[in-house]
Amino acid sequence: LQSTGVPAELAEEISQAAWSRGWECRAQLKNPAAL
């Protein structure tokens, strides 16, 4: 996220939200290797 221009603090916050969403929706993941 930081490499796309997102400030560090916001990048961490969004990363946390993304991983959280990933956990909630993990049943939708078709290829666990691409997590």
Full PDB file with SEQRES, HELIX, SHEET, SSBOND, CRYST1, ORIGX, SCALE, CONECT and MASTER records, all heavy atoms in Angstrom:
SEQRES   1 A   35  LEU GLN SER THR GLY VAL PRO ALA GLU LEU ALA GLU GLU          
SEQRES   2 A   35  ILE SER GLN ALA ALA TRP SER ARG GLY TRP GLU CYS ARG          
SEQRES   3 A   35  ALA GLN LEU LYS ASN PRO ALA ALA LEU                          
HELIX    1 AA1 GLN A    2  THR A    4  5                                   3    
HELIX    2 AA2 ALA A    8  GLU A   24  1                                  17    
HELIX    3 AA3 ARG A   26  GLN A   28  5                                   3    
HELIX    4 AA4 PRO A   32  ALA A   34  5                                   3    
CRYST1    1.000    1.000    1.000  90.00  90.00  90.00 P 1           1          
ORIGX1      1.000000  0.000000  0.000000        0.00000                         
ORIGX2      0.000000  1.000000  0.000000        0.00000                         
ORIGX3      0.000000  0.000000  1.000000        0.00000                         
SCALE1      1.000000  0.000000  0.000000        0.00000                         
SCALE2      0.000000  1.000000  0.000000        0.00000                         
SCALE3      0.000000  0.000000  1.000000        0.00000                         
ATOM      1  N   LEU A   1       0.824  -1.204   0.000  1.00  0.00           N  
ATOM      2  CA  LEU A   1       0.000   0.000   0.000  1.00  0.00           C  
ATOM      3  C   LEU A   1       0.860   1.258   0.000  1.00  0.00           C  
ATOM      4  O   LEU A   1       0.565   2.225  -0.707  1.00  0.00           O  
ATOM      5  CB  LEU A   1      -0.958   0.001   1.192  1.00  0.00           C  
ATOM      6  CG  LEU A   1      -2.060  -1.062   1.145  1.00  0.00           C  
ATOM      7  CD1 LEU A   1      -2.865  -1.039   2.435  1.00  0.00           C  
ATOM      8  CD2 LEU A   1      -2.959  -0.874  -0.070  1.00  0.00           C  
ATOM      9  N   GLN A   2       1.931   1.241   0.778  1.00  0.00           N  
ATOM     10  CA  GLN A   2       2.826   2.398   0.817  1.00  0.00           C  
ATOM     11  C   GLN A   2       3.464   2.631  -0.544  1.00  0.00           C  
ATOM     12  O   GLN A   2       3.683   3.771  -0.942  1.00  0.00           O  
ATOM     13  CB  GLN A   2       3.899   2.208   1.881  1.00  0.00           C  
ATOM     14  CG  GLN A   2       3.370   2.343   3.290  1.00  0.00           C  
ATOM     15  CD  GLN A   2       4.431   2.049   4.344  1.00  0.00           C  
ATOM     16  OE1 GLN A   2       5.611   1.917   4.038  1.00  0.00           O  
ATOM     17  NE2 GLN A   2       3.997   1.950   5.590  1.00  0.00           N  
ATOM     18  N   SER A   3       3.741   1.561  -1.276  1.00  0.00           N  
ATOM     19  CA  SER A   3       4.347   1.701  -2.603  1.00  0.00           C  
ATOM     20  C   SER A   3       3.390   2.351  -3.598  1.00  0.00           C  
ATOM     21  O   SER A   3       3.817   2.867  -4.624  1.00  0.00           O  
ATOM     22  CB  SER A   3       4.806   0.341  -3.139  1.00  0.00           C  
ATOM     23  OG  SER A   3       3.693  -0.431  -3.564  1.00  0.00           O  
ATOM     24  N   THR A   4       2.094   2.354  -3.281  1.00  0.00           N  
ATOM     25  CA  THR A   4       1.115   3.010  -4.151  1.00  0.00           C  
ATOM     26  C   THR A   4       0.826   4.433  -3.704  1.00  0.00           C  
ATOM     27  O   THR A   4      -0.040   5.090  -4.270  1.00  0.00           O  
ATOM     28  CB  THR A   4      -0.205   2.218  -4.203  1.00  0.00           C  
ATOM     29  OG1 THR A   4      -0.814   2.217  -2.910  1.00  0.00           O  
ATOM     30  CG2 THR A   4       0.021   0.794  -4.669  1.00  0.00           C  
ATOM     31  N   GLY A   5       1.543   4.906  -2.664  1.00  0.00           N  
ATOM     32  CA  GLY A   5       1.384   6.284  -2.221  1.00  0.00           C  
ATOM     33  C   GLY A   5       0.546   6.464  -0.970  1.00  0.00           C  
ATOM     34  O   GLY A   5       0.304   7.597  -0.543  1.00  0.00           O  
ATOM     35  N   VAL A   6       0.108   5.388  -0.362  1.00  0.00           N  
ATOM     36  CA  VAL A   6      -0.691   5.485   0.861  1.00  0.00           C  
ATOM     37  C   VAL A   6       0.245   5.794   2.023  1.00  0.00           C  
ATOM     38  O   VAL A   6       1.274   5.124   2.185  1.00  0.00           O  
ATOM     39  CB  VAL A   6      -1.464   4.162   1.117  1.00  0.00           C  
ATOM     40  CG1 VAL A   6      -2.218   4.207   2.427  1.00  0.00           C  
ATOM     41  CG2 VAL A   6      -2.402   3.861  -0.044  1.00  0.00           C  
ATOM     42  N   PRO A   7      -0.068   6.800   2.855  1.00  0.00           N  
ATOM     43  CA  PRO A   7       0.776   7.112   4.015  1.00  0.00           C  
ATOM     44  C   PRO A   7       0.895   5.901   4.953  1.00  0.00           C  
ATOM     45  O   PRO A   7      -0.026   5.088   5.058  1.00  0.00           O  
ATOM     46  CB  PRO A   7       0.030   8.251   4.717  1.00  0.00           C  
ATOM     47  CG  PRO A   7      -0.855   8.843   3.673  1.00  0.00           C  
ATOM     48  CD  PRO A   7      -1.200   7.715   2.736  1.00  0.00           C  
ATOM     49  N   ALA A   8       2.032   5.790   5.630  1.00  0.00           N  
ATOM     50  CA  ALA A   8       2.354   4.613   6.451  1.00  0.00           C  
ATOM     51  C   ALA A   8       1.264   4.285   7.471  1.00  0.00           C  
ATOM     52  O   ALA A   8       0.854   3.123   7.603  1.00  0.00           O  
ATOM     53  CB  ALA A   8       3.694   4.811   7.152  1.00  0.00           C  
ATOM     54  N   GLU A   9       0.791   5.283   8.195  1.00  0.00           N  
ATOM     55  CA  GLU A   9      -0.213   5.025   9.234  1.00  0.00           C  
ATOM     56  C   GLU A   9      -1.514   4.491   8.630  1.00  0.00           C  
ATOM     57  O   GLU A   9      -2.093   3.531   9.122  1.00  0.00           O  
ATOM     58  CB  GLU A   9      -0.487   6.310  10.014  1.00  0.00           C  
ATOM     59  CG  GLU A   9      -1.363   6.096  11.224  1.00  0.00           C  
ATOM     60  CD  GLU A   9      -1.486   7.378  12.037  1.00  0.00           C  
ATOM     61  OE1 GLU A   9      -0.449   7.897  12.495  1.00  0.00           O  
ATOM     62  OE2 GLU A   9      -2.627   7.831  12.183  1.00  0.00           O  
ATOM     63  N   LEU A  10      -1.942   5.094   7.535  1.00  0.00           N  
ATOM     64  CA  LEU A  10      -3.159   4.647   6.867  1.00  0.00           C  
ATOM     65  C   LEU A  10      -2.951   3.272   6.237  1.00  0.00           C  
ATOM     66  O   LEU A  10      -3.853   2.431   6.252  1.00  0.00           O  
ATOM     67  CB  LEU A  10      -3.594   5.660   5.804  1.00  0.00           C  
ATOM     68  CG  LEU A  10      -4.889   5.364   5.055  1.00  0.00           C  
ATOM     69  CD1 LEU A  10      -6.067   5.242   6.029  1.00  0.00           C  
ATOM     70  CD2 LEU A  10      -5.156   6.440   4.020  1.00  0.00           C  
ATOM     71  N   ALA A  11      -1.752   3.017   5.719  1.00  0.00           N  
ATOM     72  CA  ALA A  11      -1.445   1.716   5.121  1.00  0.00           C  
ATOM     73  C   ALA A  11      -1.575   0.608   6.154  1.00  0.00           C  
ATOM     74  O   ALA A  11      -2.121  -0.461   5.858  1.00  0.00           O  
ATOM     75  CB  ALA A  11      -0.040   1.730   4.524  1.00  0.00           C  
ATOM     76  N   GLU A  12      -1.097   0.864   7.368  1.00  0.00           N  
ATOM     77  CA  GLU A  12      -1.227  -0.147   8.421  1.00  0.00           C  
ATOM     78  C   GLU A  12      -2.680  -0.371   8.793  1.00  0.00           C  
ATOM     79  O   GLU A  12      -3.120  -1.504   8.985  1.00  0.00           O  
ATOM     80  CB  GLU A  12      -0.409   0.261   9.646  1.00  0.00           C  
ATOM     81  CG  GLU A  12       1.064   0.024   9.462  1.00  0.00           C  
ATOM     82  CD  GLU A  12       1.829   0.048  10.772  1.00  0.00           C  
ATOM     83  OE1 GLU A  12       1.221  -0.189  11.826  1.00  0.00           O  
ATOM     84  OE2 GLU A  12       3.042   0.289  10.714  1.00  0.00           O  
ATOM     85  N   GLU A  13      -3.432   0.717   8.890  1.00  0.00           N  
ATOM     86  CA  GLU A  13      -4.848   0.617   9.252  1.00  0.00           C  
ATOM     87  C   GLU A  13      -5.625  -0.170   8.188  1.00  0.00           C  
ATOM     88  O   GLU A  13      -6.416  -1.068   8.509  1.00  0.00           O  
ATOM     89  CB  GLU A  13      -5.417   2.030   9.383  1.00  0.00           C  
ATOM     90  CG  GLU A  13      -6.849   2.090   9.856  1.00  0.00           C  
ATOM     91  CD  GLU A  13      -7.312   3.536   9.989  1.00  0.00           C  
ATOM     92  OE1 GLU A  13      -6.543   4.384  10.477  1.00  0.00           O  
ATOM     93  OE2 GLU A  13      -8.452   3.793   9.592  1.00  0.00           O  
ATOM     94  N   ILE A  14      -5.375   0.152   6.930  1.00  0.00           N  
ATOM     95  CA  ILE A  14      -6.084  -0.540   5.847  1.00  0.00           C  
ATOM     96  C   ILE A  14      -5.613  -1.982   5.727  1.00  0.00           C  
ATOM     97  O   ILE A  14      -6.414  -2.876   5.448  1.00  0.00           O  
ATOM     98  CB  ILE A  14      -5.934   0.236   4.526  1.00  0.00           C  
ATOM     99  CG1 ILE A  14      -6.749   1.535   4.630  1.00  0.00           C  
ATOM    100  CG2 ILE A  14      -6.385  -0.585   3.334  1.00  0.00           C  
ATOM    101  CD1 ILE A  14      -6.638   2.454   3.449  1.00  0.00           C  
ATOM    102  N   SER A  15      -4.336  -2.232   5.965  1.00  0.00           N  
ATOM    103  CA  SER A  15      -3.828  -3.609   5.944  1.00  0.00           C  
ATOM    104  C   SER A  15      -4.540  -4.445   6.991  1.00  0.00           C  
ATOM    105  O   SER A  15      -4.958  -5.581   6.723  1.00  0.00           O  
ATOM    106  CB  SER A  15      -2.324  -3.638   6.203  1.00  0.00           C  
ATOM    107  OG  SER A  15      -1.635  -2.981   5.190  1.00  0.00           O  
ATOM    108  N   GLN A  16      -4.691  -3.874   8.182  1.00  0.00           N  
ATOM    109  CA  GLN A  16      -5.391  -4.583   9.256  1.00  0.00           C  
ATOM    110  C   GLN A  16      -6.829  -4.883   8.844  1.00  0.00           C  
ATOM    111  O   GLN A  16      -7.323  -5.995   9.029  1.00  0.00           O  
ATOM    112  CB  GLN A  16      -5.362  -3.762  10.545  1.00  0.00           C  
ATOM    113  CG  GLN A  16      -5.986  -4.459  11.727  1.00  0.00           C  
ATOM    114  CD  GLN A  16      -5.236  -5.723  12.109  1.00  0.00           C  
ATOM    115  OE1 GLN A  16      -4.012  -5.753  12.161  1.00  0.00           O  
ATOM    116  NE2 GLN A  16      -5.960  -6.791  12.350  1.00  0.00           N  
ATOM    117  N   ALA A  17      -7.491  -3.876   8.261  1.00  0.00           N  
ATOM    118  CA  ALA A  17      -8.879  -4.067   7.827  1.00  0.00           C  
ATOM    119  C   ALA A  17      -8.966  -5.118   6.717  1.00  0.00           C  
ATOM    120  O   ALA A  17      -9.903  -5.934   6.698  1.00  0.00           O  
ATOM    121  CB  ALA A  17      -9.462  -2.743   7.358  1.00  0.00           C  
ATOM    122  N   ALA A  18      -7.998  -5.120   5.807  1.00  0.00           N  
ATOM    123  CA  ALA A  18      -8.005  -6.084   4.703  1.00  0.00           C  
ATOM    124  C   ALA A  18      -7.809  -7.513   5.213  1.00  0.00           C  
ATOM    125  O   ALA A  18      -8.505  -8.444   4.785  1.00  0.00           O  
ATOM    126  CB  ALA A  18      -6.922  -5.730   3.690  1.00  0.00           C  
ATOM    127  N   TRP A  19      -6.880  -7.693   6.129  1.00  0.00           N  
ATOM    128  CA  TRP A  19      -6.661  -9.031   6.673  1.00  0.00           C  
ATOM    129  C   TRP A  19      -7.863  -9.484   7.495  1.00  0.00           C  
ATOM    130  O   TRP A  19      -8.237 -10.654   7.485  1.00  0.00           O  
ATOM    131  CB  TRP A  19      -5.366  -9.085   7.487  1.00  0.00           C  
ATOM    132  CG  TRP A  19      -4.178  -9.259   6.588  1.00  0.00           C  
ATOM    133  CD1 TRP A  19      -3.407  -8.276   6.052  1.00  0.00           C  
ATOM    134  CD2 TRP A  19      -3.677 -10.494   6.071  1.00  0.00           C  
ATOM    135  NE1 TRP A  19      -2.448  -8.824   5.240  1.00  0.00           N  
ATOM    136  CE2 TRP A  19      -2.586 -10.181   5.231  1.00  0.00           C  
ATOM    137  CE3 TRP A  19      -4.034 -11.821   6.235  1.00  0.00           C  
ATOM    138  CZ2 TRP A  19      -1.858 -11.153   4.562  1.00  0.00           C  
ATOM    139  CZ3 TRP A  19      -3.303 -12.796   5.569  1.00  0.00           C  
ATOM    140  CH2 TRP A  19      -2.234 -12.458   4.742  1.00  0.00           C  
ATOM    141  N   SER A  20      -8.471  -8.551   8.163  1.00  0.00           N  
ATOM    142  CA  SER A  20      -9.679  -8.862   8.927  1.00  0.00           C  
ATOM    143  C   SER A  20     -10.804  -9.302   7.987  1.00  0.00           C  
ATOM    144  O   SER A  20     -11.499 -10.293   8.224  1.00  0.00           O  
ATOM    145  CB  SER A  20     -10.090  -7.606   9.694  1.00  0.00           C  
ATOM    146  OG  SER A  20     -10.810  -7.921  10.812  1.00  0.00           O  
ATOM    147  N   ARG A  21     -10.982  -8.537   6.908  1.00  0.00           N  
ATOM    148  CA  ARG A  21     -11.997  -8.884   5.909  1.00  0.00           C  
ATOM    149  C   ARG A  21     -11.664 -10.233   5.275  1.00  0.00           C  
ATOM    150  O   ARG A  21     -12.551 -11.037   4.993  1.00  0.00           O  
ATOM    151  CB  ARG A  21     -12.068  -7.777   4.862  1.00  0.00           C  
ATOM    152  CG  ARG A  21     -12.986  -8.007   3.704  1.00  0.00           C  
ATOM    153  CD  ARG A  21     -14.406  -7.522   3.868  1.00  0.00           C  
ATOM    154  NE  ARG A  21     -14.609  -6.274   4.525  1.00  0.00           N  
ATOM    155  CZ  ARG A  21     -14.738  -5.081   3.945  1.00  0.00           C  
ATOM    156  NH1 ARG A  21     -14.656  -4.986   2.645  1.00  0.00           N  
ATOM    157  NH2 ARG A  21     -14.954  -4.003   4.661  1.00  0.00           N  
ATOM    158  N   GLY A  22     -10.383 -10.461   5.034  1.00  0.00           N  
ATOM    159  CA  GLY A  22      -9.954 -11.747   4.478  1.00  0.00           C  
ATOM    160  C   GLY A  22     -10.337 -12.904   5.386  1.00  0.00           C  
ATOM    161  O   GLY A  22     -10.806 -13.948   4.923  1.00  0.00           O  
ATOM    162  N   TRP A  23     -10.159 -12.711   6.680  1.00  0.00           N  
ATOM    163  CA  TRP A  23     -10.534 -13.755   7.646  1.00  0.00           C  
ATOM    164  C   TRP A  23     -12.042 -14.005   7.591  1.00  0.00           C  
ATOM    165  O   TRP A  23     -12.490 -15.139   7.558  1.00  0.00           O  
ATOM    166  CB  TRP A  23     -10.105 -13.357   9.058  1.00  0.00           C  
ATOM    167  CG  TRP A  23     -10.663 -14.271  10.103  1.00  0.00           C  
ATOM    168  CD1 TRP A  23     -11.671 -14.016  10.978  1.00  0.00           C  
ATOM    169  CD2 TRP A  23     -10.264 -15.619  10.367  1.00  0.00           C  
ATOM    170  NE1 TRP A  23     -11.919 -15.098  11.769  1.00  0.00           N  
ATOM    171  CE2 TRP A  23     -11.063 -16.110  11.417  1.00  0.00           C  
ATOM    172  CE3 TRP A  23      -9.293 -16.466   9.817  1.00  0.00           C  
ATOM    173  CZ2 TRP A  23     -10.943 -17.401  11.920  1.00  0.00           C  
ATOM    174  CZ3 TRP A  23      -9.168 -17.744  10.324  1.00  0.00           C  
ATOM    175  CH2 TRP A  23      -9.984 -18.204  11.369  1.00  0.00           C  
ATOM    176  N   GLU A  24     -12.804 -12.918   7.563  1.00  0.00           N  
ATOM    177  CA  GLU A  24     -14.267 -13.055   7.545  1.00  0.00           C  
ATOM    178  C   GLU A  24     -14.754 -13.735   6.272  1.00  0.00           C  
ATOM    179  O   GLU A  24     -15.749 -14.459   6.303  1.00  0.00           O  
ATOM    180  CB  GLU A  24     -14.924 -11.670   7.643  1.00  0.00           C  
ATOM    181  CG  GLU A  24     -14.718 -10.989   8.967  1.00  0.00           C  
ATOM    182  CD  GLU A  24     -15.086  -9.502   8.942  1.00  0.00           C  
ATOM    183  OE1 GLU A  24     -15.489  -8.988   7.871  1.00  0.00           O  
ATOM    184  OE2 GLU A  24     -14.956  -8.865   9.995  1.00  0.00           O  
ATOM    185  N   CYS A  25     -14.062 -13.529   5.173  1.00  0.00           N  
ATOM    186  CA  CYS A  25     -14.511 -14.047   3.873  1.00  0.00           C  
ATOM    187  C   CYS A  25     -13.639 -15.196   3.370  1.00  0.00           C  
ATOM    188  O   CYS A  25     -13.666 -15.522   2.183  1.00  0.00           O  
ATOM    189  CB  CYS A  25     -14.503 -12.912   2.842  1.00  0.00           C  
ATOM    190  SG  CYS A  25     -15.538 -11.525   3.280  1.00  0.00           S  
ATOM    191  N   ARG A  26     -12.881 -15.815   4.244  1.00  0.00           N  
ATOM    192  CA  ARG A  26     -11.910 -16.827   3.816  1.00  0.00           C  
ATOM    193  C   ARG A  26     -12.544 -17.999   3.078  1.00  0.00           C  
ATOM    194  O   ARG A  26     -11.898 -18.650   2.266  1.00  0.00           O  
ATOM    195  CB  ARG A  26     -11.077 -17.315   4.996  1.00  0.00           C  
ATOM    196  CG  ARG A  26     -11.832 -18.100   6.035  1.00  0.00           C  
ATOM    197  CD  ARG A  26     -11.014 -18.329   7.304  1.00  0.00           C  
ATOM    198  NE  ARG A  26     -11.749 -19.072   8.292  1.00  0.00           N  
ATOM    199  CZ  ARG A  26     -12.687 -18.555   9.091  1.00  0.00           C  
ATOM    200  NH1 ARG A  26     -12.979 -17.276   9.002  1.00  0.00           N  
ATOM    201  NH2 ARG A  26     -13.314 -19.313   9.970  1.00  0.00           N  
ATOM    202  N   ALA A  27     -13.835 -18.248   3.291  1.00  0.00           N  
ATOM    203  CA  ALA A  27     -14.501 -19.344   2.578  1.00  0.00           C  
ATOM    204  C   ALA A  27     -14.604 -19.046   1.085  1.00  0.00           C  
ATOM    205  O   ALA A  27     -14.764 -19.960   0.279  1.00  0.00           O  
ATOM    206  CB  ALA A  27     -15.887 -19.584   3.170  1.00  0.00           C  
ATOM    207  N   GLN A  28     -14.501 -17.778   0.693  1.00  0.00           N  
ATOM    208  CA  GLN A  28     -14.578 -17.394  -0.720  1.00  0.00           C  
ATOM    209  C   GLN A  28     -13.255 -17.576  -1.455  1.00  0.00           C  
ATOM    210  O   GLN A  28     -13.219 -17.530  -2.686  1.00  0.00           O  
ATOM    211  CB  GLN A  28     -15.012 -15.936  -0.838  1.00  0.00           C  
ATOM    212  CG  GLN A  28     -16.386 -15.661  -0.298  1.00  0.00           C  
ATOM    213  CD  GLN A  28     -16.702 -14.173  -0.300  1.00  0.00           C  
ATOM    214  OE1 GLN A  28     -15.994 -13.369  -0.898  1.00  0.00           O  
ATOM    215  NE2 GLN A  28     -17.765 -13.810   0.387  1.00  0.00           N  
ATOM    216  N   LEU A  29     -12.175 -17.761  -0.715  1.00  0.00           N  
ATOM    217  CA  LEU A  29     -10.851 -17.920  -1.311  1.00  0.00           C  
ATOM    218  C   LEU A  29     -10.775 -19.251  -2.042  1.00  0.00           C  
ATOM    219  O   LEU A  29     -10.977 -20.307  -1.449  1.00  0.00           O  
ATOM    220  CB  LEU A  29      -9.769 -17.837  -0.230  1.00  0.00           C  
ATOM    221  CG  LEU A  29      -8.327 -17.978  -0.683  1.00  0.00           C  
ATOM    222  CD1 LEU A  29      -7.946 -16.833  -1.623  1.00  0.00           C  
ATOM    223  CD2 LEU A  29      -7.406 -17.984   0.529  1.00  0.00           C  
ATOM    224  N   LYS A  30     -10.486 -19.189  -3.351  1.00  0.00           N  
ATOM    225  CA  LYS A  30     -10.459 -20.411  -4.158  1.00  0.00           C  
ATOM    226  C   LYS A  30      -9.097 -21.098  -4.131  1.00  0.00           C  
ATOM    227  O   LYS A  30      -9.002 -22.296  -4.276  1.00  0.00           O  
ATOM    228  CB  LYS A  30     -10.862 -20.085  -5.589  1.00  0.00           C  
ATOM    229  CG  LYS A  30     -12.301 -19.642  -5.674  1.00  0.00           C  
ATOM    230  CD  LYS A  30     -12.707 -19.334  -7.086  1.00  0.00           C  
ATOM    231  CE  LYS A  30     -14.176 -18.996  -7.089  1.00  0.00           C  
ATOM    232  NZ  LYS A  30     -14.509 -17.713  -7.567  1.00  0.00           N  
ATOM    233  N   ASN A  31      -8.030 -20.302  -3.943  1.00  0.00           N  
ATOM    234  CA  ASN A  31      -6.686 -20.860  -3.956  1.00  0.00           C  
ATOM    235  C   ASN A  31      -5.943 -20.367  -2.717  1.00  0.00           C  
ATOM    236  O   ASN A  31      -5.446 -19.242  -2.697  1.00  0.00           O  
ATOM    237  CB  ASN A  31      -5.961 -20.432  -5.237  1.00  0.00           C  
ATOM    238  CG  ASN A  31      -4.550 -20.958  -5.315  1.00  0.00           C  
ATOM    239  OD1 ASN A  31      -4.098 -21.713  -4.450  1.00  0.00           O  
ATOM    240  ND2 ASN A  31      -3.836 -20.555  -6.351  1.00  0.00           N  
ATOM    241  N   PRO A  32      -5.826 -21.195  -1.691  1.00  0.00           N  
ATOM    242  CA  PRO A  32      -5.158 -20.773  -0.464  1.00  0.00           C  
ATOM    243  C   PRO A  32      -3.727 -20.292  -0.680  1.00  0.00           C  
ATOM    244  O   PRO A  32      -3.226 -19.465   0.085  1.00  0.00           O  
ATOM    245  CB  PRO A  32      -5.178 -22.022   0.422  1.00  0.00           C  
ATOM    246  CG  PRO A  32      -6.346 -22.818  -0.085  1.00  0.00           C  
ATOM    247  CD  PRO A  32      -6.395 -22.545  -1.556  1.00  0.00           C  
ATOM    248  N   ALA A  33      -3.080 -20.748  -1.733  1.00  0.00           N  
ATOM    249  CA  ALA A  33      -1.717 -20.306  -2.013  1.00  0.00           C  
ATOM    250  C   ALA A  33      -1.683 -18.837  -2.435  1.00  0.00           C  
ATOM    251  O   ALA A  33      -0.637 -18.193  -2.366  1.00  0.00           O  
ATOM    252  CB  ALA A  33      -1.090 -21.186  -3.107  1.00  0.00           C  
ATOM    253  N   ALA A  34      -2.808 -18.305  -2.859  1.00  0.00           N  
ATOM    254  CA  ALA A  34      -2.875 -16.918  -3.319  1.00  0.00           C  
ATOM    255  C   ALA A  34      -3.459 -15.999  -2.254  1.00  0.00           C  
ATOM    256  O   ALA A  34      -3.932 -14.905  -2.574  1.00  0.00           O  
ATOM    257  CB  ALA A  34      -3.706 -16.843  -4.594  1.00  0.00           C  
ATOM    258  N   LEU A  35      -3.415 -16.407  -1.004  1.00  0.00           N  
ATOM    259  CA  LEU A  35      -4.007 -15.621   0.077  1.00  0.00           C  
ATOM    260  C   LEU A  35      -3.452 -14.196   0.126  1.00  0.00           C  
ATOM    261  O   LEU A  35      -4.200 -13.226   0.219  1.00  0.00           O  
ATOM    262  CB  LEU A  35      -3.804 -16.319   1.432  1.00  0.00           C  
ATOM    263  CG  LEU A  35      -4.315 -15.558   2.658  1.00  0.00           C  
ATOM    264  CD1 LEU A  35      -5.819 -15.345   2.572  1.00  0.00           C  
ATOM    265  CD2 LEU A  35      -3.951 -16.307   3.933  1.00  0.00           C  
TER     266      LEU A  35                                                      
MASTER        0    0    0    4    0    0    0    6  265    1    0    3          
END                                                                             
